[in-house]
Amino acid sequence: MLCNLLVRIDEAEKQLAKFGLLMKGENAYPVVSPYFYIVNRAQRDAMRVLAEFGLTPSSRSRIHAERGLAESEVVTGNERFFRGN
C-alpha cells in the first residue's frame, strides 16, 4: 500500500512538472491541475500509513514495547514440541 502511494506521488509529480499547476478548464479559464489533488491526497494517505506503523518521529514516541523474556524463560522450538509428557 505504501509503495503504491509513493509511486502515485512520483507519477503525479512528473505530470505536474510537465503540465504545470494550472490548466485550461472549460471556457479557457485556468483551473488547478487534477494532479495537484492526486499528489496532496496520496501524500496525506502515505503519512497516515507511516504513522500507523510508527515510522514518523511523533508516532514512534507513542510505541511502547513490553518487557522481553529473560534468557531462562525463552522456549526453543525443540522444547516447545518435544517436551516429555
Protein backbone atom coordinates (compact mmCIF):
# COMPACT_ATOMS: atom_id res chain seq x y z
CA MET A 1 0.00 0.00 0.00
CA LEU A 2 2.75 2.45 0.94
CA CYS A 3 4.71 1.59 -2.20
CA ASN A 4 1.63 2.21 -4.35
CA LEU A 5 1.12 5.60 -2.73
CA LEU A 6 4.76 6.56 -3.27
CA VAL A 7 4.56 5.57 -6.94
CA ARG A 8 1.32 7.55 -7.31
CA ILE A 9 3.01 10.60 -5.80
CA ASP A 10 6.01 10.24 -8.11
CA GLU A 11 3.90 9.83 -11.25
CA ALA A 12 1.58 12.72 -10.41
CA GLU A 13 4.54 15.00 -9.61
CA LYS A 14 6.04 14.17 -13.01
CA GLN A 15 2.77 15.20 -14.64
CA LEU A 16 2.69 18.40 -12.57
CA ALA A 17 6.21 19.23 -13.74
CA LYS A 18 5.17 18.54 -17.33
CA PHE A 19 1.85 20.43 -17.42
CA GLY A 20 2.20 22.91 -14.57
CA LEU A 21 -0.02 23.74 -11.61
CA LEU A 22 -2.72 25.43 -13.69
CA MET A 23 -4.51 24.02 -16.72
CA LYS A 24 -7.15 25.40 -19.03
CA GLY A 25 -10.60 24.41 -17.92
CA GLU A 26 -13.97 24.98 -19.52
CA ASN A 27 -14.25 28.31 -21.35
CA ALA A 28 -10.43 28.55 -21.21
CA TYR A 29 -10.47 29.61 -17.56
CA PRO A 30 -7.46 28.43 -15.56
CA VAL A 31 -8.11 25.65 -13.06
CA VAL A 32 -5.87 23.82 -10.64
CA SER A 33 -4.40 20.69 -12.17
CA PRO A 34 -6.03 17.42 -11.05
CA TYR A 35 -2.51 16.07 -10.50
CA PHE A 36 -2.11 18.59 -7.68
CA TYR A 37 -5.03 16.98 -5.85
CA ILE A 38 -3.68 13.49 -6.54
CA VAL A 39 -0.31 14.41 -5.03
CA ASN A 40 -1.90 16.01 -1.96
CA ARG A 41 -4.23 13.08 -1.30
CA ALA A 42 -1.51 10.45 -1.80
CA GLN A 43 0.90 12.35 0.48
CA ARG A 44 -1.76 12.58 3.19
CA ASP A 45 -2.55 8.87 2.87
CA ALA A 46 1.15 7.95 2.92
CA MET A 47 1.66 9.94 6.12
CA ARG A 48 -1.25 8.10 7.72
CA VAL A 49 0.22 4.73 6.77
CA LEU A 50 3.66 5.76 8.07
CA ALA A 51 2.16 6.97 11.34
CA GLU A 52 0.13 3.77 11.72
CA PHE A 53 3.32 1.71 11.66
CA GLY A 54 5.31 4.08 13.89
CA LEU A 55 7.52 5.30 11.07
CA THR A 56 7.25 9.02 11.80
CA PRO A 57 9.12 10.70 14.67
CA SER A 58 5.95 11.67 16.51
CA SER A 59 4.29 8.26 16.14
CA ARG A 60 7.50 6.45 17.11
CA SER A 61 7.40 8.09 20.52
CA ARG A 62 3.97 6.53 21.19
CA ILE A 63 5.18 2.96 20.68
CA HIS A 64 5.92 1.08 23.88
CA ALA A 65 7.45 -2.38 23.92
CA GLU A 66 6.69 -4.85 26.65
CA ARG A 67 9.45 -6.32 28.75
CA GLY A 68 11.24 -9.12 26.93
CA LEU A 69 11.63 -12.63 28.30
CA ALA A 70 14.58 -13.46 30.48
CA GLU A 71 17.01 -15.89 28.91
CA SER A 72 15.80 -18.67 31.21
CA GLU A 73 12.19 -18.12 30.04
CA VAL A 74 12.88 -18.45 26.32
CA VAL A 75 11.46 -21.65 24.86
CA THR A 76 13.20 -23.05 21.79
CA GLY A 77 11.39 -24.87 19.02
CA ASN A 78 12.61 -28.29 20.19
CA GLU A 79 11.50 -27.67 23.77
CA ARG A 80 8.11 -26.48 22.62
CA PHE A 81 7.33 -29.55 20.51
CA PHE A 82 9.29 -32.32 22.19
CA ARG A 83 8.56 -31.91 25.87
CA GLY A 84 8.39 -35.09 27.83
CA ASN A 85 4.68 -35.57 28.55
